[in-house]
């Protein structure tokens, strides 16, 4: 780190022993060791903080590269608008609910007078389980392209022209 060799450290120790004296040397070495430990811990904390910030910057950069977050924001906005629409539908003051006196199982609309259910009709069966009436088949001859009417049919009578109608009155 500071590129100090063993002999340089030994020289510093000898000078310190002469200046401080042999009685106070152990206390001084202990204090120097505590300061050195604190300096190493501070240096390790600063290094860890710098590494965390670098990783955070890399993570932010990778998120930017992966894609734009506006798509997620757009989906969130759509979900909020759908939720608001549904909430507004449930809170609609015009929708007062079922009419007074209505009970579950009652018909929701009056029956049409011309419709009578068949005797085997069960309202609790699904519609595809009901018997189906046969569909009538209409047989027709293909239309002819000639101007003459088919045999046995009288040709249509000519209608009077508008000028003839005006002259008769």
C-alpha atoms as a PDB file:
ATOM      1  CA  UNK A   1       0.000   0.000   0.000  1.00  0.00           C
ATOM      2  CA  UNK A   2       2.604   2.549   1.058  1.00  0.00           C
ATOM      3  CA  UNK A   3       5.504   0.380  -0.145  1.00  0.00           C
ATOM      4  CA  UNK A   4       7.364   0.381   3.212  1.00  0.00           C
ATOM      5  CA  UNK A   5       9.903  -2.402   3.672  1.00  0.00           C
ATOM      6  CA  UNK A   6      10.646  -4.373   6.832  1.00  0.00           C
ATOM      7  CA  UNK A   7      13.874  -2.442   7.565  1.00  0.00           C
ATOM      8  CA  UNK A   8      12.088   0.882   7.330  1.00  0.00           C
ATOM      9  CA  UNK A   9       9.478  -0.326   9.832  1.00  0.00           C
ATOM     10  CA  UNK A  10      12.233  -1.553  12.155  1.00  0.00           C
ATOM     11  CA  UNK A  11      13.927   1.856  11.970  1.00  0.00           C
ATOM     12  CA  UNK A  12      10.640   3.608  12.862  1.00  0.00           C
ATOM     13  CA  UNK A  13      10.201   1.215  15.816  1.00  0.00           C
ATOM     14  CA  UNK A  14      13.717   1.920  17.150  1.00  0.00           C
ATOM     15  CA  UNK A  15      13.204   5.701  16.882  1.00  0.00           C
ATOM     16  CA  UNK A  16       9.833   5.427  18.635  1.00  0.00           C
ATOM     17  CA  UNK A  17      11.402   3.308  21.436  1.00  0.00           C
ATOM     18  CA  UNK A  18      14.067   5.942  21.984  1.00  0.00           C
ATOM     19  CA  UNK A  19      11.647   8.900  21.882  1.00  0.00           C
ATOM     20  CA  UNK A  20       8.757   7.416  23.870  1.00  0.00           C
ATOM     21  CA  UNK A  21      10.650   5.134  26.180  1.00  0.00           C
ATOM     22  CA  UNK A  22      10.220   1.472  27.002  1.00  0.00           C
ATOM     23  CA  UNK A  23       7.501   2.092  29.683  1.00  0.00           C
ATOM     24  CA  UNK A  24       4.968   3.774  27.375  1.00  0.00           C
ATOM     25  CA  UNK A  25       5.786   1.773  24.232  1.00  0.00           C
ATOM     26  CA  UNK A  26       3.171  -1.024  24.775  1.00  0.00           C
ATOM     27  CA  UNK A  27       0.341   1.546  25.294  1.00  0.00           C
ATOM     28  CA  UNK A  28       1.466   3.492  22.222  1.00  0.00           C
ATOM     29  CA  UNK A  29       1.567   0.304  20.100  1.00  0.00           C
ATOM     30  CA  UNK A  30      -1.956  -0.612  21.327  1.00  0.00           C
ATOM     31  CA  UNK A  31      -3.312   2.861  20.454  1.00  0.00           C
ATOM     32  CA  UNK A  32      -1.615   2.785  17.053  1.00  0.00           C
ATOM     33  CA  UNK A  33      -3.143  -0.652  16.411  1.00  0.00           C
ATOM     34  CA  UNK A  34      -6.661   0.610  17.331  1.00  0.00           C
ATOM     35  CA  UNK A  35      -6.291   3.616  15.011  1.00  0.00           C
ATOM     36  CA  UNK A  36      -5.018   1.413  12.236  1.00  0.00           C
ATOM     37  CA  UNK A  37      -8.036  -0.939  12.721  1.00  0.00           C
ATOM     38  CA  UNK A  38     -10.452   2.014  12.627  1.00  0.00           C
ATOM     39  CA  UNK A  39      -8.795   3.344   9.457  1.00  0.00           C
ATOM     40  CA  UNK A  40      -9.115  -0.074   7.780  1.00  0.00           C
ATOM     41  CA  UNK A  41     -12.813  -0.375   8.753  1.00  0.00           C
ATOM     42  CA  UNK A  42     -13.534   3.117   7.431  1.00  0.00           C
ATOM     43  CA  UNK A  43     -11.735   2.310   4.208  1.00  0.00           C
ATOM     44  CA  UNK A  44     -13.709  -0.966   3.853  1.00  0.00           C
ATOM     45  CA  UNK A  45     -17.027   0.876   4.474  1.00  0.00           C
ATOM     46  CA  UNK A  46     -16.204   3.528   1.868  1.00  0.00           C
ATOM     47  CA  UNK A  47     -15.234   0.820  -0.612  1.00  0.00           C
ATOM     48  CA  UNK A  48     -18.471  -1.108   0.050  1.00  0.00           C
ATOM     49  CA  UNK A  49     -20.562   2.062  -0.398  1.00  0.00           C
ATOM     50  CA  UNK A  50     -18.845   2.847  -3.706  1.00  0.00           C
ATOM     51  CA  UNK A  51     -19.439  -0.741  -4.883  1.00  0.00           C
ATOM     52  CA  UNK A  52     -23.147  -0.529  -3.953  1.00  0.00           C
ATOM     53  CA  UNK A  53     -23.546   2.716  -5.866  1.00  0.00           C
ATOM     54  CA  UNK A  54     -21.784   1.243  -8.901  1.00  0.00           C
ATOM     55  CA  UNK A  55     -24.053  -1.818  -8.821  1.00  0.00           C
ATOM     56  CA  UNK A  56     -27.105   0.428  -8.480  1.00  0.00           C
ATOM     57  CA  UNK A  57     -25.991   2.481 -11.480  1.00  0.00           C
ATOM     58  CA  UNK A  58     -25.414  -0.696 -13.499  1.00  0.00           C
ATOM     59  CA  UNK A  59     -28.867  -1.969 -12.546  1.00  0.00           C
ATOM     60  CA  UNK A  60     -30.498   1.306 -13.585  1.00  0.00           C
ATOM     61  CA  UNK A  61     -28.630   1.242 -16.857  1.00  0.00           C
ATOM     62  CA  UNK A  62     -29.653  -2.350 -17.604  1.00  0.00           C
ATOM     63  CA  UNK A  63     -33.300  -1.500 -16.861  1.00  0.00           C
ATOM     64  CA  UNK A  64     -33.132   1.390 -19.295  1.00  0.00           C
ATOM     65  CA  UNK A  65     -31.619  -0.886 -21.932  1.00  0.00           C
ATOM     66  CA  UNK A  66     -34.189  -3.677 -21.434  1.00  0.00           C
ATOM     67  CA  UNK A  67     -37.077  -1.515 -22.392  1.00  0.00           C
ATOM     68  CA  UNK A  68     -39.155   1.508 -21.866  1.00  0.00           C
ATOM     69  CA  UNK A  69     -41.385   1.406 -18.819  1.00  0.00           C
ATOM     70  CA  UNK A  70     -44.078   3.447 -20.572  1.00  0.00           C
ATOM     71  CA  UNK A  71     -45.704   0.205 -21.766  1.00  0.00           C
ATOM     72  CA  UNK A  72     -46.240  -0.879 -18.177  1.00  0.00           C
ATOM     73  CA  UNK A  73     -47.548   2.584 -17.318  1.00  0.00           C
ATOM     74  CA  UNK A  74     -49.953   2.423 -20.259  1.00  0.00           C
ATOM     75  CA  UNK A  75     -51.305  -0.941 -19.077  1.00  0.00           C
ATOM     76  CA  UNK A  76     -51.670   0.438 -15.559  1.00  0.00           C
ATOM     77  CA  UNK A  77     -53.605   3.429 -16.880  1.00  0.00           C
ATOM     78  CA  UNK A  78     -55.915   1.149 -18.893  1.00  0.00           C
ATOM     79  CA  UNK A  79     -56.576  -1.000 -15.837  1.00  0.00           C
ATOM     80  CA  UNK A  80     -57.401   2.095 -13.773  1.00  0.00           C
ATOM     81  CA  UNK A  81     -59.820   3.381 -16.416  1.00  0.00           C
ATOM     82  CA  UNK A  82     -61.514  -0.044 -16.632  1.00  0.00           C
ATOM     83  CA  UNK A  83     -61.815  -0.137 -12.855  1.00  0.00           C
ATOM     84  CA  UNK A  84     -63.317   3.358 -12.847  1.00  0.00           C
ATOM     85  CA  UNK A  85     -65.798   2.372 -15.579  1.00  0.00           C
ATOM     86  CA  UNK A  86     -66.910  -0.689 -13.657  1.00  0.00           C
ATOM     87  CA  UNK A  87     -67.186   1.302 -10.444  1.00  0.00           C
ATOM     88  CA  UNK A  88     -69.237   3.965 -12.239  1.00  0.00           C
ATOM     89  CA  UNK A  89     -71.514   1.245 -13.628  1.00  0.00           C
ATOM     90  CA  UNK A  90     -72.174  -0.079 -10.140  1.00  0.00           C
ATOM     91  CA  UNK A  91     -72.666   3.401  -8.715  1.00  0.00           C
ATOM     92  CA  UNK A  92     -75.024   4.514 -11.530  1.00  0.00           C
ATOM     93  CA  UNK A  93     -77.856   6.556  -9.903  1.00  0.00           C
ATOM     94  CA  UNK A  94     -80.168   5.803 -12.862  1.00  0.00           C
ATOM     95  CA  UNK A  95     -79.991   2.085 -12.131  1.00  0.00           C
ATOM     96  CA  UNK A  96     -82.382   1.675  -9.232  1.00  0.00           C
ATOM     97  CA  UNK A  97     -82.251  -2.107  -9.198  1.00  0.00           C
ATOM     98  CA  UNK A  98     -85.206  -4.469  -9.484  1.00  0.00           C
ATOM     99  CA  UNK A  99     -88.746  -3.066  -9.455  1.00  0.00           C
ATOM    100  CA  UNK A 100     -90.615  -2.925  -6.135  1.00  0.00           C
ATOM    101  CA  UNK A 101     -92.179  -6.238  -5.181  1.00  0.00           C
ATOM    102  CA  UNK A 102     -89.845  -8.295  -7.358  1.00  0.00           C
ATOM    103  CA  UNK A 103     -88.679 -11.581  -5.865  1.00  0.00           C
ATOM    104  CA  UNK A 104     -86.075 -14.036  -7.141  1.00  0.00           C
ATOM    105  CA  UNK A 105     -87.632 -16.502  -9.546  1.00  0.00           C
ATOM    106  CA  UNK A 106     -90.201 -14.041 -10.873  1.00  0.00           C
ATOM    107  CA  UNK A 107     -90.147 -13.337 -14.607  1.00  0.00           C
ATOM    108  CA  UNK A 108     -88.252 -10.204 -15.512  1.00  0.00           C
ATOM    109  CA  UNK A 109     -90.619  -9.221 -18.339  1.00  0.00           C
ATOM    110  CA  UNK A 110     -94.307  -9.913 -18.947  1.00  0.00           C
ATOM    111  CA  UNK A 111     -95.058 -12.906 -21.145  1.00  0.00           C
ATOM    112  CA  UNK A 112     -96.203 -12.182 -24.641  1.00  0.00           C
ATOM    113  CA  UNK A 113     -99.894 -13.079 -25.009  1.00  0.00           C
ATOM    114  CA  UNK A 114     -99.425 -15.100 -28.211  1.00  0.00           C
ATOM    115  CA  UNK A 115     -96.730 -17.368 -26.765  1.00  0.00           C
ATOM    116  CA  UNK A 116     -97.727 -20.427 -24.822  1.00  0.00           C
ATOM    117  CA  UNK A 117     -94.985 -22.724 -23.659  1.00  0.00           C
ATOM    118  CA  UNK A 118     -95.216 -26.330 -24.847  1.00  0.00           C
ATOM    119  CA  UNK A 119     -96.350 -28.863 -22.249  1.00  0.00           C
ATOM    120  CA  UNK A 120     -92.882 -30.420 -21.964  1.00  0.00           C
ATOM    121  CA  UNK A 121     -91.169 -27.000 -21.460  1.00  0.00           C
ATOM    122  CA  UNK A 122     -88.931 -26.763 -18.398  1.00  0.00           C
ATOM    123  CA  UNK A 123     -87.460 -23.262 -17.809  1.00  0.00           C
ATOM    124  CA  UNK A 124     -84.537 -24.744 -15.868  1.00  0.00           C
ATOM    125  CA  UNK A 125     -83.197 -26.795 -18.799  1.00  0.00           C
ATOM    126  CA  UNK A 126     -80.558 -25.254 -21.040  1.00  0.00           C
ATOM    127  CA  UNK A 127     -81.787 -24.152 -24.445  1.00  0.00           C
ATOM    128  CA  UNK A 128     -79.816 -26.784 -26.323  1.00  0.00           C
ATOM    129  CA  UNK A 129     -81.585 -29.541 -24.325  1.00  0.00           C
ATOM    130  CA  UNK A 130     -85.050 -28.455 -25.559  1.00  0.00           C
ATOM    131  CA  UNK A 131     -86.542 -30.429 -28.446  1.00  0.00           C
ATOM    132  CA  UNK A 132     -86.172 -28.555 -31.690  1.00  0.00           C
ATOM    133  CA  UNK A 133     -89.001 -28.309 -34.197  1.00  0.00           C
ATOM    134  CA  UNK A 134     -88.073 -29.528 -37.666  1.00  0.00           C
ATOM    135  CA  UNK A 135     -87.090 -26.753 -40.015  1.00  0.00           C
ATOM    136  CA  UNK A 136     -89.418 -26.545 -43.033  1.00  0.00           C
ATOM    137  CA  UNK A 137     -87.741 -27.019 -46.395  1.00  0.00           C
ATOM    138  CA  UNK A 138     -88.936 -24.865 -49.291  1.00  0.00           C
ATOM    139  CA  UNK A 139     -88.527 -26.417 -52.697  1.00  0.00           C
ATOM    140  CA  UNK A 140     -88.490 -23.945 -55.557  1.00  0.00           C
ATOM    141  CA  UNK A 141     -87.615 -24.204 -59.168  1.00  0.00           C
ATOM    142  CA  UNK A 142     -84.730 -22.103 -60.308  1.00  0.00           C
ATOM    143  CA  UNK A 143     -85.766 -18.785 -61.813  1.00  0.00           C
ATOM    144  CA  UNK A 144     -85.996 -18.790 -65.600  1.00  0.00           C
ATOM    145  CA  UNK A 145     -84.186 -16.181 -67.583  1.00  0.00           C
ATOM    146  CA  UNK A 146     -86.631 -16.079 -70.505  1.00  0.00           C
ATOM    147  CA  UNK A 147     -89.255 -13.342 -70.719  1.00  0.00           C
ATOM    148  CA  UNK A 148     -92.149 -15.744 -71.346  1.00  0.00           C
ATOM    149  CA  UNK A 149     -94.152 -16.825 -68.274  1.00  0.00           C
ATOM    150  CA  UNK A 150     -94.126 -20.486 -67.271  1.00  0.00           C
ATOM    151  CA  UNK A 151     -96.888 -22.659 -68.699  1.00  0.00           C
ATOM    152  CA  UNK A 152    -100.232 -22.313 -66.926  1.00  0.00           C
ATOM    153  CA  UNK A 153     -99.508 -18.781 -65.706  1.00  0.00           C
ATOM    154  CA  UNK A 154    -101.257 -15.850 -67.328  1.00  0.00           C
ATOM    155  CA  UNK A 155     -99.017 -13.038 -68.504  1.00  0.00           C
ATOM    156  CA  UNK A 156     -99.311  -9.864 -66.426  1.00  0.00           C
ATOM    157  CA  UNK A 157    -101.700  -7.278 -67.800  1.00  0.00           C
ATOM    158  CA  UNK A 158    -100.120  -4.055 -69.010  1.00  0.00           C
ATOM    159  CA  UNK A 159    -100.687  -1.118 -66.701  1.00  0.00           C
ATOM    160  CA  UNK A 160    -102.115   2.042 -68.205  1.00  0.00           C
ATOM    161  CA  UNK A 161     -99.592   4.735 -69.039  1.00  0.00           C
ATOM    162  CA  UNK A 162     -99.735   7.950 -67.051  1.00  0.00           C
ATOM    163  CA  UNK A 163    -100.729   9.908 -70.196  1.00  0.00           C
ATOM    164  CA  UNK A 164    -103.762   7.654 -70.677  1.00  0.00           C
ATOM    165  CA  UNK A 165    -104.835   8.186 -67.069  1.00  0.00           C
ATOM    166  CA  UNK A 166    -104.628  11.991 -67.547  1.00  0.00           C
ATOM    167  CA  UNK A 167    -106.715  11.905 -70.749  1.00  0.00           C
ATOM    168  CA  UNK A 168    -109.516   9.861 -69.177  1.00  0.00           C
ATOM    169  CA  UNK A 169    -110.160  12.385 -66.453  1.00  0.00           C
END
